[in-house]
Amino acid sequence: MTRFQAGTARANRYEKLAHLAQKIVLQFGESNNSDAQQWLSDWIDQQCPSLSDVKPIGLLDSDEGALEVEKVLWRMVTGVVA
């Protein structure tokens, strides 16, 4: 379940991020999808220093913004510091 109307570009971008969130949550020892959904829901509404203190949710309106959010999540998955 997403926070956005199903089938919209924004919902599709969020779903892609949800898959990355699952990897992050599993990496840190959590094991179920609801934990990942909650983590992403919390994280996406917080200012992110790696995104110039912009809230990630505000970047999901465009492919370019969503790509920047995705890059931050991939850095979390791989352990690469921005």
Protein backbone atom coordinates (compact mmCIF):
# COMPACT_ATOMS: atom_id res chain seq x y z
CA MET A 1 0.00 0.00 0.00
CA THR A 2 1.35 3.38 -0.94
CA ARG A 3 0.64 6.90 0.21
CA PHE A 4 -0.24 7.98 -3.33
CA GLN A 5 -3.02 7.26 -5.78
CA ALA A 6 -2.25 3.91 -7.43
CA GLY A 7 -1.05 4.05 -11.00
CA THR A 8 0.28 7.59 -10.83
CA ALA A 9 3.87 8.38 -11.68
CA ARG A 10 4.46 9.51 -8.10
CA ALA A 11 3.08 6.22 -6.72
CA ASN A 12 5.28 4.26 -9.11
CA ARG A 13 8.35 6.21 -8.00
CA TYR A 14 7.45 5.58 -4.35
CA GLU A 15 7.06 1.84 -4.98
CA LYS A 16 10.53 1.72 -6.50
CA LEU A 17 11.89 3.39 -3.38
CA ALA A 18 9.98 0.90 -1.22
CA HIS A 19 12.03 -1.93 -2.73
CA LEU A 20 15.23 -0.15 -1.73
CA ALA A 21 13.84 0.52 1.74
CA GLN A 22 13.27 -3.22 2.13
CA LYS A 23 16.97 -3.84 1.40
CA ILE A 24 17.96 -1.22 3.97
CA VAL A 25 15.68 -2.62 6.66
CA LEU A 26 16.90 -6.17 6.01
CA GLN A 27 20.50 -4.98 6.13
CA PHE A 28 19.96 -3.59 9.61
CA GLY A 29 18.30 -6.72 10.95
CA GLU A 30 14.58 -6.12 10.50
CA SER A 31 12.73 -8.77 8.61
CA ASN A 32 9.29 -7.80 7.40
CA ASN A 33 7.89 -5.56 4.71
CA SER A 34 5.75 -3.53 7.12
CA ASP A 35 8.94 -2.40 8.88
CA ALA A 36 10.34 -1.22 5.54
CA GLN A 37 7.13 0.59 4.64
CA GLN A 38 7.10 2.34 8.02
CA TRP A 39 10.79 3.24 7.79
CA LEU A 40 10.32 4.72 4.31
CA SER A 41 7.17 6.55 5.35
CA ASP A 42 9.04 8.14 8.26
CA TRP A 43 12.28 8.84 6.38
CA ILE A 44 10.68 10.39 3.31
CA ASP A 45 9.05 13.15 5.40
CA GLN A 46 12.28 14.24 7.11
CA GLN A 47 14.79 16.76 5.85
CA CYS A 48 17.72 14.92 4.30
CA PRO A 49 21.22 16.43 4.51
CA SER A 50 22.26 14.44 1.41
CA LEU A 51 19.50 16.24 -0.49
CA SER A 52 20.43 19.74 0.70
CA ASP A 53 17.98 19.40 3.61
CA VAL A 54 15.02 18.88 1.29
CA LYS A 55 12.39 16.35 2.30
CA PRO A 56 12.61 13.40 -0.13
CA ILE A 57 8.85 13.34 -0.57
CA GLY A 58 9.06 16.74 -2.25
CA LEU A 59 11.28 15.32 -4.97
CA LEU A 60 8.94 12.55 -6.10
CA ASP A 61 7.06 14.80 -8.51
CA SER A 62 9.73 14.40 -11.18
CA ASP A 63 11.86 11.57 -12.50
CA GLU A 64 14.98 13.62 -11.84
CA GLY A 65 14.06 14.28 -8.22
CA ALA A 66 13.11 10.66 -7.62
CA LEU A 67 16.46 9.60 -9.07
CA GLU A 68 18.26 11.79 -6.53
CA VAL A 69 16.27 10.18 -3.70
CA GLU A 70 17.03 6.75 -5.13
CA LYS A 71 20.75 7.55 -5.18
CA VAL A 72 20.64 8.43 -1.48
CA LEU A 73 18.90 5.14 -0.68
CA TRP A 74 21.40 3.17 -2.77
CA ARG A 75 24.23 4.82 -0.83
CA MET A 76 22.55 3.59 2.35
CA VAL A 77 22.29 0.06 0.93
CA THR A 78 25.91 -0.04 -0.18
CA GLY A 79 27.36 1.90 2.74
CA VAL A 80 28.82 4.61 0.50
CA VAL A 81 29.04 7.98 2.23
CA ALA A 82 27.84 10.99 0.24
